[in-house]
Amino acid sequence: MNSHRQPMGWSRVERALAQTLHTQPRTTKAHGATIERCEAPDVEVEVVR
C-alpha cells in the first residue's frame, strides 16, 4: 500500500468497500488482475490489486 498516496478518510472508504464486498461481492478477472468494484450510497471505489 502506498499510504502517502491515499486521500484523507481512506479508512472509511476502505471499511465501506469491505462491508459492501462482504454482502454483495462483485469480482471480475481482467488482464490477470482482480478488480473489485464497490457501489456504496456515498462512494464508488474501484480497487485494482
N, C-alpha and C. Protein backbone atom coordinates (compact mmCIF):
# COMPACT_ATOMS: atom_id res chain seq x y z
N MET A 1 0.84 -1.20 0.00
CA MET A 1 0.00 0.00 0.00
C MET A 1 0.88 1.26 0.00
N ASN A 2 0.48 2.22 -0.79
CA ASN A 2 1.19 3.50 -0.79
C ASN A 2 0.36 4.49 0.04
N SER A 3 0.58 4.46 1.35
CA SER A 3 -0.24 5.26 2.26
C SER A 3 -0.14 6.75 1.95
N HIS A 4 0.99 7.19 1.42
CA HIS A 4 1.15 8.61 1.16
C HIS A 4 0.34 9.07 -0.06
N ARG A 5 -0.17 8.11 -0.83
CA ARG A 5 -0.97 8.45 -2.00
C ARG A 5 -2.46 8.32 -1.73
N GLN A 6 -2.82 7.83 -0.55
CA GLN A 6 -4.23 7.65 -0.22
C GLN A 6 -4.82 8.96 0.29
N PRO A 7 -6.04 9.29 -0.13
CA PRO A 7 -6.69 10.52 0.32
C PRO A 7 -7.14 10.42 1.77
N MET A 8 -7.46 11.55 2.36
CA MET A 8 -7.95 11.57 3.73
C MET A 8 -9.28 10.84 3.80
N GLY A 9 -9.52 10.15 4.93
CA GLY A 9 -10.77 9.42 5.07
C GLY A 9 -10.74 8.09 4.34
N TRP A 10 -9.54 7.63 3.97
CA TRP A 10 -9.41 6.38 3.22
C TRP A 10 -9.90 5.20 4.06
N SER A 11 -9.72 5.29 5.37
CA SER A 11 -10.14 4.21 6.25
C SER A 11 -11.64 3.98 6.14
N ARG A 12 -12.40 5.08 6.11
CA ARG A 12 -13.86 4.98 6.00
C ARG A 12 -14.25 4.36 4.66
N VAL A 13 -13.57 4.78 3.62
CA VAL A 13 -13.85 4.24 2.29
C VAL A 13 -13.52 2.75 2.24
N GLU A 14 -12.39 2.41 2.85
CA GLU A 14 -11.96 1.01 2.84
C GLU A 14 -12.94 0.13 3.62
N ARG A 15 -13.44 0.66 4.74
CA ARG A 15 -14.43 -0.09 5.52
C ARG A 15 -15.71 -0.27 4.72
N ALA A 16 -16.16 0.78 4.06
CA ALA A 16 -17.38 0.70 3.25
C ALA A 16 -17.17 -0.31 2.11
N LEU A 17 -15.99 -0.28 1.53
CA LEU A 17 -15.67 -1.20 0.45
C LEU A 17 -15.72 -2.64 0.94
N ALA A 18 -15.07 -2.90 2.06
CA ALA A 18 -15.03 -4.25 2.61
C ALA A 18 -16.43 -4.72 3.00
N GLN A 19 -17.21 -3.83 3.60
CA GLN A 19 -18.56 -4.20 4.02
C GLN A 19 -19.44 -4.53 2.82
N THR A 20 -19.37 -3.70 1.78
CA THR A 20 -20.19 -3.92 0.59
C THR A 20 -19.76 -5.19 -0.13
N LEU A 21 -18.45 -5.41 -0.21
CA LEU A 21 -17.96 -6.63 -0.86
C LEU A 21 -18.36 -7.86 -0.07
N HIS A 22 -18.45 -7.70 1.26
CA HIS A 22 -18.81 -8.84 2.10
C HIS A 22 -20.27 -9.24 1.85
N THR A 23 -21.11 -8.23 1.61
CA THR A 23 -22.53 -8.51 1.40
C THR A 23 -22.86 -8.75 -0.07
N GLN A 24 -22.26 -7.96 -0.95
CA GLN A 24 -22.52 -8.09 -2.38
C GLN A 24 -21.21 -8.11 -3.15
N PRO A 25 -20.53 -9.24 -3.19
CA PRO A 25 -19.24 -9.32 -3.88
C PRO A 25 -19.40 -9.20 -5.40
N ARG A 26 -18.64 -8.29 -5.97
CA ARG A 26 -18.62 -8.15 -7.44
C ARG A 26 -17.16 -8.22 -7.86
N THR A 27 -16.74 -9.38 -8.24
CA THR A 27 -15.33 -9.54 -8.57
C THR A 27 -15.19 -10.08 -9.99
N THR A 28 -14.34 -9.48 -10.77
CA THR A 28 -14.11 -9.93 -12.13
C THR A 28 -12.61 -9.99 -12.38
N LYS A 29 -12.21 -10.91 -13.24
CA LYS A 29 -10.80 -11.03 -13.60
C LYS A 29 -10.57 -10.30 -14.92
N ALA A 30 -9.55 -9.45 -14.93
CA ALA A 30 -9.23 -8.72 -16.14
C ALA A 30 -7.73 -8.48 -16.21
N HIS A 31 -7.12 -8.89 -17.29
CA HIS A 31 -5.68 -8.69 -17.50
C HIS A 31 -4.87 -9.26 -16.35
N GLY A 32 -5.33 -10.35 -15.78
CA GLY A 32 -4.58 -11.01 -14.72
C GLY A 32 -4.68 -10.30 -13.38
N ALA A 33 -5.48 -9.24 -13.29
CA ALA A 33 -5.63 -8.52 -12.04
C ALA A 33 -7.06 -8.66 -11.54
N THR A 34 -7.23 -8.63 -10.25
CA THR A 34 -8.56 -8.74 -9.67
C THR A 34 -9.12 -7.34 -9.45
N ILE A 35 -10.24 -7.07 -10.10
CA ILE A 35 -10.87 -5.76 -9.96
C ILE A 35 -12.11 -5.91 -9.11
N GLU A 36 -12.12 -5.21 -7.99
CA GLU A 36 -13.27 -5.27 -7.10
C GLU A 36 -13.98 -3.93 -7.17
N ARG A 37 -15.24 -3.98 -7.53
CA ARG A 37 -16.00 -2.74 -7.65
C ARG A 37 -17.00 -2.64 -6.51
N CYS A 38 -17.05 -1.47 -5.88
CA CYS A 38 -17.96 -1.25 -4.76
C CYS A 38 -18.85 -0.07 -5.09
N GLU A 39 -20.15 -0.26 -4.93
CA GLU A 39 -21.07 0.85 -5.13
C GLU A 39 -21.83 1.08 -3.83
N ALA A 40 -21.28 1.95 -3.00
CA ALA A 40 -21.91 2.29 -1.73
C ALA A 40 -22.74 3.56 -1.93
N PRO A 41 -23.65 3.85 -1.02
CA PRO A 41 -24.53 5.01 -1.16
C PRO A 41 -23.78 6.32 -1.38
N ASP A 42 -22.62 6.48 -0.72
CA ASP A 42 -21.93 7.76 -0.79
C ASP A 42 -20.55 7.67 -1.43
N VAL A 43 -20.22 6.50 -1.95
CA VAL A 43 -18.88 6.36 -2.53
C VAL A 43 -18.84 5.25 -3.56
N GLU A 44 -18.11 5.48 -4.65
CA GLU A 44 -17.91 4.44 -5.65
C GLU A 44 -16.41 4.28 -5.82
N VAL A 45 -15.92 3.10 -5.48
CA VAL A 45 -14.49 2.87 -5.47
C VAL A 45 -14.16 1.67 -6.34
N GLU A 46 -13.10 1.77 -7.10
CA GLU A 46 -12.65 0.65 -7.89
C GLU A 46 -11.22 0.35 -7.46
N VAL A 47 -11.02 -0.84 -6.92
CA VAL A 47 -9.71 -1.21 -6.39
C VAL A 47 -9.09 -2.25 -7.29
N VAL A 48 -7.87 -1.99 -7.74
CA VAL A 48 -7.16 -2.95 -8.58
C VAL A 48 -5.99 -3.50 -7.80
N ARG A 49 -5.97 -4.83 -7.61
CA ARG A 49 -4.87 -5.43 -6.86
C ARG A 49 -4.05 -6.28 -7.81
